[in-house]
Amino acid sequence: MDCRELEEYLYEQIPLSKTMGVQVLNAGWDEVKLTAPLRPNINHRDTVFGGSMSAVAILAGWALVHVRLRQEGIRGSVVIQRNTMNYERPISGDFTALSSVGDSAEWQRFVKILKRKHRARIPVNVMLFSEGQKAGLLEGHFVALGAEAS
Protein backbone atom coordinates (compact mmCIF):
# COMPACT_ATOMS: atom_id res chain seq x y z
CA MET A 1 0.00 0.00 0.00
CA ASP A 2 1.53 3.31 -1.06
CA CYS A 3 0.93 6.79 0.37
CA ARG A 4 -1.80 7.69 -2.10
CA GLU A 5 -3.72 4.44 -1.53
CA LEU A 6 -3.56 4.82 2.25
CA GLU A 7 -4.64 8.45 2.09
CA GLU A 8 -7.64 7.58 -0.11
CA TYR A 9 -8.52 4.70 2.21
CA LEU A 10 -8.40 6.99 5.25
CA TYR A 11 -10.56 9.63 3.55
CA GLU A 12 -13.14 7.02 2.55
CA GLN A 13 -13.21 4.91 5.72
CA ILE A 14 -12.42 7.61 8.33
CA PRO A 15 -13.86 10.84 6.86
CA LEU A 16 -12.63 12.91 9.81
CA SER A 17 -9.10 12.44 8.43
CA LYS A 18 -10.03 14.43 5.31
CA THR A 19 -11.76 17.16 7.33
CA MET A 20 -8.61 17.47 9.48
CA GLY A 21 -6.46 17.83 6.35
CA VAL A 22 -4.40 14.71 7.11
CA GLN A 23 -1.92 13.71 4.43
CA VAL A 24 0.21 10.56 4.25
CA LEU A 25 3.93 11.24 3.89
CA ASN A 26 5.13 7.66 4.32
CA ALA A 27 3.32 4.32 4.42
CA GLY A 28 6.02 1.74 4.95
CA TRP A 29 6.73 -1.34 7.01
CA ASP A 30 8.85 0.52 9.55
CA GLU A 31 6.71 3.62 9.92
CA VAL A 32 3.67 5.52 8.88
CA LYS A 33 4.12 9.28 8.85
CA LEU A 34 1.12 11.59 8.65
CA THR A 35 0.97 15.36 8.58
CA ALA A 36 -1.84 17.79 9.35
CA PRO A 37 -2.15 21.57 9.07
CA LEU A 38 -2.93 23.96 11.89
CA ARG A 39 -5.96 25.73 10.36
CA PRO A 40 -8.64 22.95 10.48
CA ASN A 41 -7.28 21.76 13.84
CA ILE A 42 -6.95 25.11 15.61
CA ASN A 43 -8.23 25.91 19.09
CA HIS A 44 -9.08 29.15 20.90
CA ARG A 45 -5.35 29.73 21.69
CA ASP A 46 -4.26 29.57 18.03
CA THR A 47 -2.56 26.21 18.64
CA VAL A 48 -3.54 22.69 17.63
CA PHE A 49 -6.52 21.36 19.58
CA GLY A 50 -5.47 18.49 21.87
CA GLY A 51 -8.18 16.27 20.42
CA SER A 52 -6.71 16.78 16.95
CA MET A 53 -3.24 15.88 18.20
CA SER A 54 -4.64 12.69 19.69
CA ALA A 55 -6.77 11.86 16.64
CA VAL A 56 -3.86 12.22 14.19
CA ALA A 57 -1.63 10.14 16.47
CA ILE A 58 -4.29 7.41 16.68
CA LEU A 59 -4.67 7.50 12.88
CA ALA A 60 -0.90 7.06 12.45
CA GLY A 61 -0.80 4.09 14.86
CA TRP A 62 -3.88 2.51 13.33
CA ALA A 63 -2.50 3.01 9.82
CA LEU A 64 0.81 1.32 10.66
CA VAL A 65 -0.93 -1.83 11.89
CA HIS A 66 -3.27 -1.73 8.87
CA VAL A 67 -0.38 -1.35 6.38
CA ARG A 68 1.68 -4.11 7.99
CA LEU A 69 -1.24 -6.53 8.01
CA ARG A 70 -1.89 -5.81 4.34
CA GLN A 71 1.79 -6.46 3.57
CA GLU A 72 1.50 -9.77 5.44
CA GLY A 73 -1.51 -10.67 3.26
CA ILE A 74 -3.90 -10.53 6.23
CA ARG A 75 -7.28 -8.81 6.08
CA GLY A 76 -9.15 -7.88 9.23
CA SER A 77 -10.40 -4.97 11.28
CA VAL A 78 -8.04 -2.86 13.35
CA VAL A 79 -9.35 -0.84 16.29
CA ILE A 80 -7.77 1.08 19.13
CA GLN A 81 -8.24 -0.55 22.51
CA ARG A 82 -6.66 2.07 24.74
CA ASN A 83 -4.11 4.84 24.70
CA THR A 84 -2.22 7.36 26.76
CA MET A 85 -1.43 10.73 25.22
CA ASN A 86 1.31 12.96 26.58
CA TYR A 87 1.17 16.56 25.39
CA GLU A 88 4.71 17.88 25.69
CA ARG A 89 4.32 21.33 24.15
CA PRO A 90 1.76 23.41 22.26
CA ILE A 91 1.81 23.18 18.48
CA SER A 92 1.37 26.44 16.61
CA GLY A 93 1.76 25.20 13.05
CA ASP A 94 1.61 22.10 10.88
CA PHE A 95 2.54 18.87 12.63
CA THR A 96 3.51 15.29 11.88
CA ALA A 97 2.78 11.96 13.53
CA LEU A 98 5.34 9.17 13.22
CA SER A 99 4.27 5.68 14.32
CA SER A 100 6.42 2.66 15.17
CA VAL A 101 6.03 -0.87 16.47
CA GLY A 102 8.50 -2.39 18.92
CA ASP A 103 10.84 -5.12 17.78
CA SER A 104 10.20 -7.68 15.06
CA ALA A 105 9.71 -10.50 17.59
CA GLU A 106 6.77 -8.61 19.10
CA TRP A 107 5.20 -8.21 15.66
CA GLN A 108 5.70 -11.91 14.87
CA ARG A 109 4.02 -12.90 18.16
CA PHE A 110 1.12 -10.61 17.27
CA VAL A 111 0.69 -12.17 13.81
CA LYS A 112 0.95 -15.72 15.21
CA ILE A 113 -1.74 -15.06 17.81
CA LEU A 114 -3.91 -13.28 15.25
CA LYS A 115 -3.78 -16.21 12.85
CA ARG A 116 -4.52 -18.70 15.62
CA LYS A 117 -7.17 -16.84 17.63
CA HIS A 118 -8.41 -14.30 15.04
CA ARG A 119 -7.75 -11.55 17.59
CA ALA A 120 -4.50 -10.03 18.82
CA ARG A 121 -3.24 -6.85 20.44
CA ILE A 122 -0.06 -4.90 19.79
CA PRO A 123 1.42 -1.75 21.32
CA VAL A 124 2.27 1.11 18.98
CA ASN A 125 4.06 4.36 19.82
CA VAL A 126 3.42 7.56 17.91
CA MET A 127 5.54 10.68 18.28
CA LEU A 128 4.21 14.08 17.27
CA PHE A 129 6.56 16.71 15.89
CA SER A 130 6.24 20.34 14.91
CA GLU A 131 8.95 22.72 13.76
CA GLY A 132 11.56 20.01 14.30
CA GLN A 133 10.65 19.49 17.96
CA LYS A 134 8.87 16.66 19.68
CA ALA A 135 5.43 17.84 20.78
CA GLY A 136 3.71 14.71 22.06
CA LEU A 137 3.71 10.95 22.47
CA LEU A 138 0.86 8.50 22.14
CA GLU A 139 1.27 5.02 23.59
CA GLY A 140 -1.54 2.93 22.16
CA HIS A 141 -2.71 -0.64 22.05
CA PHE A 142 -4.38 -1.69 18.81
CA VAL A 143 -6.41 -4.84 18.31
CA ALA A 144 -6.82 -6.73 15.06
CA LEU A 145 -9.98 -8.80 14.72
CA GLY A 146 -11.27 -11.44 12.32
CA ALA A 147 -8.09 -11.95 10.38
CA GLU A 148 -8.29 -13.77 7.06
CA ALA A 149 -5.49 -14.48 4.61
CA SER A 150 -6.04 -12.56 1.36
Foldseek 3Di string as FASTA:
>chain_A
DFQVVLVVVCCVVPVVCVLQVKGWPGQDQFKTKIKGWQVSQADPVLFGDPVVVVVQQLVRQQSNVVSNCVVVQKDFDKDWDDKDKDFADTHNTMKMKMKGFPDPVQVVVQVVCCVVVQKGKGWMKIWMDHPRDTGMIMITIMMTGRMDGD
